[in-house]
PDB file of all heavy atoms in Angstrom:
ATOM      1  N   LEU A   1      53.031  62.051  69.903  1.00  0.00           N
ATOM      2  CA  LEU A   1      52.040  63.190  70.373  1.00  0.00           C
ATOM      3  C   LEU A   1      50.744  62.508  70.947  1.00  0.00           C
ATOM      4  O   LEU A   1      50.335  62.871  71.948  1.00  0.00           O
ATOM      5  CB  LEU A   1      51.790  64.120  69.220  1.00  0.00           C
ATOM      6  CG  LEU A   1      50.875  65.167  69.639  1.00  0.00           C
ATOM      7  CD1 LEU A   1      51.226  66.057  70.738  1.00  0.00           C
ATOM      8  CD2 LEU A   1      50.440  66.055  68.411  1.00  0.00           C
ATOM      9  N   TYR A   2      50.192  61.550  70.224  1.00  0.00           N
ATOM     10  CA  TYR A   2      48.828  61.038  70.646  1.00  0.00           C
ATOM     11  C   TYR A   2      49.071  60.248  72.000  1.00  0.00           C
ATOM     12  O   TYR A   2      48.265  60.465  72.888  1.00  0.00           O
ATOM     13  CB  TYR A   2      48.406  59.865  69.531  1.00  0.00           C
ATOM     14  CG  TYR A   2      47.514  60.463  68.493  1.00  0.00           C
ATOM     15  CD1 TYR A   2      47.957  61.545  67.555  1.00  0.00           C
ATOM     16  CD2 TYR A   2      46.193  59.994  68.378  1.00  0.00           C
ATOM     17  CE1 TYR A   2      47.098  61.951  66.578  1.00  0.00           C
ATOM     18  CE2 TYR A   2      45.320  60.584  67.376  1.00  0.00           C
ATOM     19  CZ  TYR A   2      45.770  61.423  66.502  1.00  0.00           C
ATOM     20  OH  TYR A   2      44.995  61.963  65.594  1.00  0.00           O
ATOM     21  N   GLY A   3      50.253  59.517  72.098  1.00  0.00           N
ATOM     22  CA  GLY A   3      50.493  58.830  73.322  1.00  0.00           C
ATOM     23  C   GLY A   3      50.557  59.728  74.523  1.00  0.00           C
ATOM     24  O   GLY A   3      49.906  59.589  75.575  1.00  0.00           O
ATOM     25  N   THR A   4      51.216  60.805  74.448  1.00  0.00           N
ATOM     26  CA  THR A   4      51.352  61.800  75.448  1.00  0.00           C
ATOM     27  C   THR A   4      50.097  62.447  75.696  1.00  0.00           C
ATOM     28  O   THR A   4      49.693  62.779  76.868  1.00  0.00           O
ATOM     29  CB  THR A   4      52.481  62.781  75.183  1.00  0.00           C
ATOM     30  OG1 THR A   4      53.687  62.032  74.953  1.00  0.00           O
ATOM     31  CG2 THR A   4      52.658  63.837  76.268  1.00  0.00           C
ATOM     32  N   LEU A   5      49.337  62.897  74.625  1.00  0.00           N
ATOM     33  CA  LEU A   5      48.086  63.613  74.914  1.00  0.00           C
ATOM     34  C   LEU A   5      47.069  62.706  75.605  1.00  0.00           C
ATOM     35  O   LEU A   5      46.345  63.345  76.561  1.00  0.00           O
ATOM     36  CB  LEU A   5      47.458  63.953  73.559  1.00  0.00           C
ATOM     37  CG  LEU A   5      47.741  65.331  72.996  1.00  0.00           C
ATOM     38  CD1 LEU A   5      47.143  65.504  71.539  1.00  0.00           C
ATOM     39  CD2 LEU A   5      47.185  66.447  73.956  1.00  0.00           C
ATOM     40  N   ARG A   6      47.079  61.506  75.354  1.00  0.00           N
ATOM     41  CA  ARG A   6      46.090  60.610  76.105  1.00  0.00           C
ATOM     42  C   ARG A   6      46.564  60.715  77.577  1.00  0.00           C
ATOM     43  O   ARG A   6      45.691  60.681  78.576  1.00  0.00           O
ATOM     44  CB  ARG A   6      46.238  59.188  75.670  1.00  0.00           C
ATOM     45  CG  ARG A   6      45.479  58.218  76.254  1.00  0.00           C
ATOM     46  CD  ARG A   6      44.020  58.510  76.728  1.00  0.00           C
ATOM     47  NE  ARG A   6      43.258  58.921  75.740  1.00  0.00           N
ATOM     48  CZ  ARG A   6      41.953  59.219  75.864  1.00  0.00           C
ATOM     49  NH1 ARG A   6      41.464  59.232  77.167  1.00  0.00           N
ATOM     50  NH2 ARG A   6      41.238  59.719  74.855  1.00  0.00           N
ATOM     51  N   ARG A   7      47.925  60.522  77.886  1.00  0.00           N
ATOM     52  CA  ARG A   7      48.275  60.544  79.282  1.00  0.00           C
ATOM     53  C   ARG A   7      48.111  61.957  79.864  1.00  0.00           C
ATOM     54  O   ARG A   7      47.757  62.013  81.111  1.00  0.00           O
ATOM     55  CB  ARG A   7      49.782  60.263  79.346  1.00  0.00           C
ATOM     56  CG  ARG A   7      50.349  60.023  80.746  1.00  0.00           C
ATOM     57  CD  ARG A   7      49.600  58.859  81.415  1.00  0.00           C
ATOM     58  NE  ARG A   7      50.028  58.759  82.760  1.00  0.00           N
ATOM     59  CZ  ARG A   7      49.253  58.274  83.683  1.00  0.00           C
ATOM     60  NH1 ARG A   7      48.009  58.073  83.559  1.00  0.00           N
ATOM     61  NH2 ARG A   7      49.746  58.057  85.007  1.00  0.00           N
ATOM     62  N   VAL A   8      48.147  62.971  79.174  1.00  0.00           N
ATOM     63  CA  VAL A   8      47.872  64.270  79.590  1.00  0.00           C
ATOM     64  C   VAL A   8      46.389  64.497  80.196  1.00  0.00           C
ATOM     65  O   VAL A   8      46.025  64.948  81.274  1.00  0.00           O
ATOM     66  CB  VAL A   8      48.163  65.473  78.609  1.00  0.00           C
ATOM     67  CG1 VAL A   8      47.504  66.829  79.016  1.00  0.00           C
ATOM     68  CG2 VAL A   8      49.716  65.616  78.445  1.00  0.00           C
ATOM     69  N   TYR A   9      45.547  63.911  79.306  1.00  0.00           N
ATOM     70  CA  TYR A   9      44.159  63.922  79.674  1.00  0.00           C
ATOM     71  C   TYR A   9      43.806  63.080  80.910  1.00  0.00           C
ATOM     72  O   TYR A   9      43.083  63.447  81.752  1.00  0.00           O
ATOM     73  CB  TYR A   9      43.162  63.304  78.503  1.00  0.00           C
ATOM     74  CG  TYR A   9      41.789  63.305  78.769  1.00  0.00           C
ATOM     75  CD1 TYR A   9      41.021  64.501  78.885  1.00  0.00           C
ATOM     76  CD2 TYR A   9      41.149  62.043  79.227  1.00  0.00           C
ATOM     77  CE1 TYR A   9      39.672  64.299  79.153  1.00  0.00           C
ATOM     78  CE2 TYR A   9      39.843  61.930  79.436  1.00  0.00           C
ATOM     79  CZ  TYR A   9      39.043  63.190  79.560  1.00  0.00           C
ATOM     80  OH  TYR A   9      37.802  63.050  79.808  1.00  0.00           O
ATOM     81  N   GLU A  10      44.335  61.879  80.964  1.00  0.00           N
ATOM     82  CA  GLU A  10      44.262  60.968  82.161  1.00  0.00           C
ATOM     83  C   GLU A  10      44.685  61.633  83.461  1.00  0.00           C
ATOM     84  O   GLU A  10      44.081  61.567  84.449  1.00  0.00           O
ATOM     85  CB  GLU A  10      44.955  59.762  82.023  1.00  0.00           C
ATOM     86  CG  GLU A  10      44.418  58.795  80.875  1.00  0.00           C
ATOM     87  CD  GLU A  10      45.280  57.630  80.497  1.00  0.00           C
ATOM     88  OE1 GLU A  10      46.506  57.726  80.722  1.00  0.00           O
ATOM     89  OE2 GLU A  10      44.721  56.777  79.857  1.00  0.00           O
ATOM     90  N   LEU A  11      45.807  62.356  83.329  1.00  0.00           N
ATOM     91  CA  LEU A  11      46.329  63.038  84.527  1.00  0.00           C
ATOM     92  C   LEU A  11      45.516  64.275  84.903  1.00  0.00           C
ATOM     93  O   LEU A  11      45.325  64.622  86.011  1.00  0.00           O
ATOM     94  CB  LEU A  11      47.926  63.412  84.315  1.00  0.00           C
ATOM     95  CG  LEU A  11      48.827  62.134  84.211  1.00  0.00           C
ATOM     96  CD1 LEU A  11      50.133  62.644  83.753  1.00  0.00           C
ATOM     97  CD2 LEU A  11      48.880  61.450  85.632  1.00  0.00           C
ATOM     98  N   THR A  12      45.128  64.984  83.841  1.00  0.00           N
ATOM     99  CA  THR A  12      44.412  66.308  84.134  1.00  0.00           C
ATOM    100  C   THR A  12      43.056  66.043  84.869  1.00  0.00           C
ATOM    101  O   THR A  12      42.674  66.751  85.704  1.00  0.00           O
ATOM    102  CB  THR A  12      44.069  67.000  82.792  1.00  0.00           C
ATOM    103  OG1 THR A  12      45.353  67.317  82.063  1.00  0.00           O
ATOM    104  CG2 THR A  12      43.465  68.315  83.046  1.00  0.00           C
ATOM    105  N   ILE A  13      42.454  64.981  84.577  1.00  0.00           N
ATOM    106  CA  ILE A  13      41.073  64.665  85.278  1.00  0.00           C
ATOM    107  C   ILE A  13      41.310  63.961  86.628  1.00  0.00           C
ATOM    108  O   ILE A  13      40.332  63.714  87.151  1.00  0.00           O
ATOM    109  CB  ILE A  13      40.158  63.892  84.379  1.00  0.00           C
ATOM    110  CG1 ILE A  13      40.757  62.442  83.990  1.00  0.00           C
ATOM    111  CG2 ILE A  13      39.810  64.569  83.127  1.00  0.00           C
ATOM    112  CD1 ILE A  13      39.859  61.537  83.095  1.00  0.00           C
ATOM    113  N   SER A  14      42.514  63.641  86.878  1.00  0.00           N
ATOM    114  CA  SER A  14      42.796  63.082  88.161  1.00  0.00           C
ATOM    115  C   SER A  14      43.737  63.793  89.199  1.00  0.00           C
ATOM    116  O   SER A  14      43.847  63.342  90.296  1.00  0.00           O
ATOM    117  CB  SER A  14      43.370  61.561  87.988  1.00  0.00           C
ATOM    118  OG  SER A  14      44.672  61.667  87.302  1.00  0.00           O
ATOM    119  N   LEU A  15      44.310  64.913  88.616  1.00  0.00           N
ATOM    120  CA  LEU A  15      45.407  65.627  89.465  1.00  0.00           C
ATOM    121  C   LEU A  15      44.823  67.127  89.487  1.00  0.00           C
ATOM    122  O   LEU A  15      44.317  67.706  88.505  1.00  0.00           O
ATOM    123  CB  LEU A  15      46.791  65.609  88.853  1.00  0.00           C
ATOM    124  CG  LEU A  15      47.536  64.226  88.885  1.00  0.00           C
ATOM    125  CD1 LEU A  15      48.750  64.305  88.079  1.00  0.00           C
ATOM    126  CD2 LEU A  15      47.654  63.808  90.307  1.00  0.00           C
ATOM    127  N   PRO A  16      45.133  67.820  90.448  1.00  0.00           N
ATOM    128  CA  PRO A  16      45.522  67.296  91.846  1.00  0.00           C
ATOM    129  C   PRO A  16      44.257  67.213  92.718  1.00  0.00           C
ATOM    130  O   PRO A  16      44.254  66.324  93.518  1.00  0.00           O
ATOM    131  CB  PRO A  16      46.488  68.400  92.460  1.00  0.00           C
ATOM    132  CG  PRO A  16      46.072  69.541  91.830  1.00  0.00           C
ATOM    133  CD  PRO A  16      45.447  69.274  90.514  1.00  0.00           C
ATOM    134  N   ASP A  17      43.321  67.968  92.427  1.00  0.00           N
ATOM    135  CA  ASP A  17      42.079  67.949  93.277  1.00  0.00           C
ATOM    136  C   ASP A  17      40.842  67.715  92.459  1.00  0.00           C
ATOM    137  O   ASP A  17      39.733  67.995  92.906  1.00  0.00           O
ATOM    138  CB  ASP A  17      41.922  69.126  94.192  1.00  0.00           C
ATOM    139  CG  ASP A  17      41.952  70.528  93.381  1.00  0.00           C
ATOM    140  OD1 ASP A  17      42.197  70.434  91.997  1.00  0.00           O
ATOM    141  OD2 ASP A  17      41.674  71.509  93.890  1.00  0.00           O
ATOM    142  N   ALA A  18      41.024  67.472  91.158  1.00  0.00           N
ATOM    143  CA  ALA A  18      39.830  67.164  90.374  1.00  0.00           C
ATOM    144  C   ALA A  18      38.787  66.104  90.828  1.00  0.00           C
ATOM    145  O   ALA A  18      37.573  66.409  90.829  1.00  0.00           O
ATOM    146  CB  ALA A  18      40.204  66.665  88.913  1.00  0.00           C
ATOM    147  N   PRO A  19      39.276  65.009  91.512  1.00  0.00           N
ATOM    148  CA  PRO A  19      38.228  64.163  92.182  1.00  0.00           C
ATOM    149  C   PRO A  19      37.513  64.837  93.283  1.00  0.00           C
ATOM    150  O   PRO A  19      36.372  64.525  93.491  1.00  0.00           O
ATOM    151  CB  PRO A  19      39.103  63.027  92.625  1.00  0.00           C
ATOM    152  CG  PRO A  19      40.274  63.032  91.728  1.00  0.00           C
ATOM    153  CD  PRO A  19      40.612  64.457  91.390  1.00  0.00           C
ATOM    154  N   LEU A  20      38.123  65.662  94.075  1.00  0.00           N
ATOM    155  CA  LEU A  20      37.423  66.362  95.031  1.00  0.00           C
ATOM    156  C   LEU A  20      36.426  67.258  94.617  1.00  0.00           C
ATOM    157  O   LEU A  20      35.353  67.403  95.139  1.00  0.00           O
ATOM    158  CB  LEU A  20      38.550  67.014  95.981  1.00  0.00           C
ATOM    159  CG  LEU A  20      37.906  67.972  97.056  1.00  0.00           C
ATOM    160  CD1 LEU A  20      37.282  67.151  98.156  1.00  0.00           C
ATOM    161  CD2 LEU A  20      39.169  68.783  97.736  1.00  0.00           C
ATOM    162  N   ARG A  21      36.673  68.009  93.471  1.00  0.00           N
ATOM    163  CA  ARG A  21      35.708  68.874  93.103  1.00  0.00           C
ATOM    164  C   ARG A  21      34.552  68.179  92.537  1.00  0.00           C
ATOM    165  O   ARG A  21      33.385  68.595  92.695  1.00  0.00           O
ATOM    166  CB  ARG A  21      36.390  69.878  91.943  1.00  0.00           C
ATOM    167  CG  ARG A  21      37.477  70.863  92.426  1.00  0.00           C
ATOM    168  CD  ARG A  21      37.797  71.941  91.361  1.00  0.00           C
ATOM    169  NE  ARG A  21      38.217  71.220  90.056  1.00  0.00           N
ATOM    170  CZ  ARG A  21      39.489  70.855  89.858  1.00  0.00           C
ATOM    171  NH1 ARG A  21      40.347  71.167  90.772  1.00  0.00           N
ATOM    172  NH2 ARG A  21      39.799  70.358  88.685  1.00  0.00           N
ATOM    173  N   GLU A  22      34.723  67.099  91.781  1.00  0.00           N
ATOM    174  CA  GLU A  22      33.769  66.364  91.275  1.00  0.00           C
ATOM    175  C   GLU A  22      32.800  65.774  92.391  1.00  0.00           C
ATOM    176  O   GLU A  22      31.572  65.731  92.388  1.00  0.00           O
ATOM    177  CB  GLU A  22      34.355  65.103  90.535  1.00  0.00           C
ATOM    178  CG  GLU A  22      33.247  64.134  89.995  1.00  0.00           C
ATOM    179  CD  GLU A  22      33.848  63.099  89.005  1.00  0.00           C
ATOM    180  OE1 GLU A  22      34.978  62.976  88.966  1.00  0.00           O
ATOM    181  OE2 GLU A  22      32.998  62.290  88.603  1.00  0.00           O
ATOM    182  N   PHE A  23      33.488  65.242  93.562  1.00  0.00           N
ATOM    183  CA  PHE A  23      32.729  64.779  94.641  1.00  0.00           C
ATOM    184  C   PHE A  23      31.871  65.892  95.374  1.00  0.00           C
ATOM    185  O   PHE A  23      30.761  65.700  95.614  1.00  0.00           O
ATOM    186  CB  PHE A  23      33.806  64.295  95.662  1.00  0.00           C
ATOM    187  CG  PHE A  23      33.196  63.886  97.019  1.00  0.00           C
ATOM    188  CD1 PHE A  23      32.320  62.779  97.203  1.00  0.00           C
ATOM    189  CD2 PHE A  23      33.572  64.535  98.151  1.00  0.00           C
ATOM    190  CE1 PHE A  23      31.704  62.371  98.371  1.00  0.00           C
ATOM    191  CE2 PHE A  23      32.908  64.231  99.375  1.00  0.00           C
ATOM    192  CZ  PHE A  23      32.159  63.182  99.469  1.00  0.00           C
ATOM    193  N   GLU A  24      32.559  66.974  95.545  1.00  0.00           N
ATOM    194  CA  GLU A  24      31.786  68.097  96.165  1.00  0.00           C
ATOM    195  C   GLU A  24      30.604  68.579  95.360  1.00  0.00           C
ATOM    196  O   GLU A  24      29.532  68.825  95.998  1.00  0.00           O
ATOM    197  CB  GLU A  24      32.656  69.242  96.388  1.00  0.00           C
ATOM    198  CG  GLU A  24      33.724  69.039  97.523  1.00  0.00           C
ATOM    199  CD  GLU A  24      34.775  70.181  97.616  1.00  0.00           C
ATOM    200  OE1 GLU A  24      34.936  70.906  96.662  1.00  0.00           O
ATOM    201  OE2 GLU A  24      35.407  70.201  98.733  1.00  0.00           O
ATOM    202  N   ALA A  25      30.652  68.489  93.959  1.00  0.00           N
ATOM    203  CA  ALA A  25      29.506  68.967  93.085  1.00  0.00           C
ATOM    204  C   ALA A  25      28.439  67.915  93.282  1.00  0.00           C
ATOM    205  O   ALA A  25      27.328  68.150  93.363  1.00  0.00           O
ATOM    206  CB  ALA A  25      29.977  69.060  91.799  1.00  0.00           C
ATOM    207  N   LYS A  26      28.819  66.519  93.365  1.00  0.00           N
ATOM    208  CA  LYS A  26      27.707  65.534  93.386  1.00  0.00           C
ATOM    209  C   LYS A  26      27.027  65.463  94.726  1.00  0.00           C
ATOM    210  O   LYS A  26      25.947  64.980  94.865  1.00  0.00           O
ATOM    211  CB  LYS A  26      28.513  64.302  93.035  1.00  0.00           C
ATOM    212  CG  LYS A  26      28.748  64.052  91.568  1.00  0.00           C
ATOM    213  CD  LYS A  26      29.148  62.652  91.193  1.00  0.00           C
ATOM    214  CE  LYS A  26      29.247  62.593  89.646  1.00  0.00           C
ATOM    215  NZ  LYS A  26      29.645  61.184  89.325  1.00  0.00           N
ATOM    216  N   VAL A  27      27.713  65.724  95.808  1.00  0.00           N
ATOM    217  CA  VAL A  27      27.138  65.576  97.117  1.00  0.00           C
ATOM    218  C   VAL A  27      26.664  66.918  97.820  1.00  0.00           C
ATOM    219  O   VAL A  27      26.282  66.825  98.981  1.00  0.00           O
ATOM    220  CB  VAL A  27      28.120  64.828  98.057  1.00  0.00           C
ATOM    221  CG1 VAL A  27      28.516  63.442  97.510  1.00  0.00           C
ATOM    222  CG2 VAL A  27      29.345  65.748  98.456  1.00  0.00           C
ATOM    223  N   ALA A  28      26.793  68.093  97.122  1.00  0.00           N
ATOM    224  CA  ALA A  28      26.475  69.362  97.687  1.00  0.00           C
ATOM    225  C   ALA A  28      25.140  69.512  98.425  1.00  0.00           C
ATOM    226  O   ALA A  28      25.005  69.984  99.372  1.00  0.00           O
ATOM    227  CB  ALA A  28      26.703  70.360  96.580  1.00  0.00           C
ATOM    228  N   ASP A  29      24.174  68.800  97.716  1.00  0.00           N
ATOM    229  CA  ASP A  29      22.825  68.921  98.260  1.00  0.00           C
ATOM    230  C   ASP A  29      22.210  67.686  98.880  1.00  0.00           C
ATOM    231  O   ASP A  29      20.967  67.513  99.095  1.00  0.00           O
ATOM    232  CB  ASP A  29      21.868  69.276  97.078  1.00  0.00           C
ATOM    233  CG  ASP A  29      22.243  70.570  96.442  1.00  0.00           C
ATOM    234  OD1 ASP A  29      22.541  71.520  97.180  1.00  0.00           O
ATOM    235  OD2 ASP A  29      22.125  70.800  95.128  1.00  0.00           O
ATOM    236  N   LEU A  30      23.206  66.705  99.120  1.00  0.00           N
ATOM    237  CA  LEU A  30      22.704  65.465  99.844  1.00  0.00           C
ATOM    238  C   LEU A  30      22.782  65.578 101.354  1.00  0.00           C
ATOM    239  O   LEU A  30      23.744  66.115 101.891  1.00  0.00           O
ATOM    240  CB  LEU A  30      23.702  64.374  99.281  1.00  0.00           C
ATOM    241  CG  LEU A  30      23.567  63.902  97.909  1.00  0.00           C
ATOM    242  CD1 LEU A  30      24.427  62.749  97.575  1.00  0.00           C
ATOM    243  CD2 LEU A  30      22.108  63.582  97.522  1.00  0.00           C
ATOM    244  N   PRO A  31      21.689  65.113 101.992  1.00  0.00           N
ATOM    245  CA  PRO A  31      21.734  64.962 103.396  1.00  0.00           C
ATOM    246  C   PRO A  31      22.795  64.120 103.993  1.00  0.00           C
ATOM    247  O   PRO A  31      23.050  62.964 103.313  1.00  0.00           O
ATOM    248  CB  PRO A  31      20.232  64.637 103.736  1.00  0.00           C
ATOM    249  CG  PRO A  31      19.896  63.729 102.572  1.00  0.00           C
ATOM    250  CD  PRO A  31      20.573  64.318 101.357  1.00  0.00           C
ATOM    251  N   ARG A  32      23.214  64.325 105.220  1.00  0.00           N
ATOM    252  CA  ARG A  32      24.286  63.585 105.827  1.00  0.00           C
ATOM    253  C   ARG A  32      23.698  63.282 107.316  1.00  0.00           C
ATOM    254  O   ARG A  32      24.710  63.232 108.231  1.00  0.00           O
ATOM    255  CB  ARG A  32      25.667  64.032 105.723  1.00  0.00           C
ATOM    256  CG  ARG A  32      26.116  64.417 104.425  1.00  0.00           C
ATOM    257  CD  ARG A  32      27.432  64.742 104.302  1.00  0.00           C
ATOM    258  NE  ARG A  32      27.897  65.472 102.989  1.00  0.00           N
ATOM    259  CZ  ARG A  32      29.030  65.732 102.627  1.00  0.00           C
ATOM    260  NH1 ARG A  32      30.144  65.265 103.457  1.00  0.00           N
ATOM    261  NH2 ARG A  32      29.307  66.312 101.491  1.00  0.00           N
ATOM    262  N   THR A  33      22.558  63.323 107.614  1.00  0.00           N
ATOM    263  CA  THR A  33      22.063  63.228 108.995  1.00  0.00           C
ATOM    264  C   THR A  33      22.045  61.820 109.511  1.00  0.00           C
ATOM    265  O   THR A  33      22.631  61.626 110.710  1.00  0.00           O
ATOM    266  CB  THR A  33      20.655  63.772 108.990  1.00  0.00           C
ATOM    267  OG1 THR A  33      20.508  65.103 108.443  1.00  0.00           O
ATOM    268  CG2 THR A  33      20.263  63.699 110.601  1.00  0.00           C
ATOM    269  N   THR A  34      21.635  60.900 108.804  1.00  0.00           N
ATOM    270  CA  THR A  34      21.627  59.375 109.290  1.00  0.00           C
ATOM    271  C   THR A  34      22.811  58.721 108.704  1.00  0.00           C
ATOM    272  O   THR A  34      23.413  59.185 107.797  1.00  0.00           O
ATOM    273  CB  THR A  34      20.350  58.769 108.853  1.00  0.00           C
ATOM    274  OG1 THR A  34      20.393  58.533 107.376  1.00  0.00           O
ATOM    275  CG2 THR A  34      19.109  59.554 109.093  1.00  0.00           C
ATOM    276  N   GLU A  35      22.973  57.542 109.370  1.00  0.00           N
ATOM    277  CA  GLU A  35      24.151  56.770 108.994  1.00  0.00           C
ATOM    278  C   GLU A  35      23.962  56.252 107.511  1.00  0.00           C
ATOM    279  O   GLU A  35      24.932  56.219 106.766  1.00  0.00           O
ATOM    280  CB  GLU A  35      24.233  55.467 109.921  1.00  0.00           C
ATOM    281  CG  GLU A  35      25.437  54.585 109.597  1.00  0.00           C
ATOM    282  CD  GLU A  35      26.731  55.240 109.764  1.00  0.00           C
ATOM    283  OE1 GLU A  35      26.917  56.202 110.489  1.00  0.00           O
ATOM    284  OE2 GLU A  35      27.816  54.697 109.099  1.00  0.00           O
ATOM    285  N   VAL A  36      22.739  55.784 107.062  1.00  0.00           N
ATOM    286  CA  VAL A  36      22.459  55.476 105.686  1.00  0.00           C
ATOM    287  C   VAL A  36      22.872  56.556 104.769  1.00  0.00           C
ATOM    288  O   VAL A  36      23.569  56.288 103.738  1.00  0.00           O
ATOM    289  CB  VAL A  36      21.028  55.041 105.559  1.00  0.00           C
ATOM    290  CG1 VAL A  36      20.751  54.804 104.176  1.00  0.00           C
ATOM    291  CG2 VAL A  36      20.704  53.894 106.355  1.00  0.00           C
ATOM    292  N   GLU A  37      22.438  57.891 105.080  1.00  0.00           N
ATOM    293  CA  GLU A  37      22.671  58.895 104.213  1.00  0.00           C
ATOM    294  C   GLU A  37      24.217  59.099 104.072  1.00  0.00           C
ATOM    295  O   GLU A  37      24.746  59.445 102.940  1.00  0.00           O
ATOM    296  CB  GLU A  37      22.074  60.190 104.723  1.00  0.00           C
ATOM    297  CG  GLU A  37      20.595  60.173 104.587  1.00  0.00           C
ATOM    298  CD  GLU A  37      19.842  61.248 105.426  1.00  0.00           C
ATOM    299  OE1 GLU A  37      20.395  61.893 106.274  1.00  0.00           O
ATOM    300  OE2 GLU A  37      18.630  61.417 105.094  1.00  0.00           O
ATOM    301  N   ARG A  38      25.016  59.101 105.158  1.00  0.00           N
ATOM    302  CA  ARG A  38      26.429  59.283 105.245  1.00  0.00           C
ATOM    303  C   ARG A  38      27.189  58.097 104.438  1.00  0.00           C
ATOM    304  O   ARG A  38      28.046  58.330 103.638  1.00  0.00           O
ATOM    305  CB  ARG A  38      27.046  59.241 106.653  1.00  0.00           C
ATOM    306  CG  ARG A  38      26.500  60.428 107.371  1.00  0.00           C
ATOM    307  CD  ARG A  38      27.506  60.670 108.761  1.00  0.00           C
ATOM    308  NE  ARG A  38      26.971  59.699 109.672  1.00  0.00           N
ATOM    309  CZ  ARG A  38      25.906  59.773 110.506  1.00  0.00           C
ATOM    310  NH1 ARG A  38      25.392  61.045 110.548  1.00  0.00           N
ATOM    311  NH2 ARG A  38      25.622  58.943 111.352  1.00  0.00           N
ATOM    312  N   LEU A  39      26.558  56.866 104.463  1.00  0.00           N
ATOM    313  CA  LEU A  39      27.144  55.867 103.676  1.00  0.00           C
ATOM    314  C   LEU A  39      26.838  56.011 102.171  1.00  0.00           C
ATOM    315  O   LEU A  39      27.709  55.669 101.252  1.00  0.00           O
ATOM    316  CB  LEU A  39      26.549  54.520 104.134  1.00  0.00           C
ATOM    317  CG  LEU A  39      26.910  53.900 105.407  1.00  0.00           C
ATOM    318  CD1 LEU A  39      26.139  52.706 105.767  1.00  0.00           C
ATOM    319  CD2 LEU A  39      28.332  53.557 105.495  1.00  0.00           C
ATOM    320  N   VAL A  40      25.758  56.703 101.791  1.00  0.00           N
ATOM    321  CA  VAL A  40      25.561  56.975 100.276  1.00  0.00           C
ATOM    322  C   VAL A  40      26.616  57.986  99.918  1.00  0.00           C
ATOM    323  O   VAL A  40      27.209  57.923  98.874  1.00  0.00           O
ATOM    324  CB  VAL A  40      24.132  57.494 100.179  1.00  0.00           C
ATOM    325  CG1 VAL A  40      23.882  58.204  98.821  1.00  0.00           C
ATOM    326  CG2 VAL A  40      22.998  56.464 100.458  1.00  0.00           C
TER     327      VAL A  40
END
């Protein structure tokens, strides 16, 4: 059970769009006007 629960957690935080939601939350208020800002 422990082995499967660990895998469940790893998959839950990476599937299917969890990384996208994390990214959108982190960059929501960041400017993207200049090339440097877009690179950030």
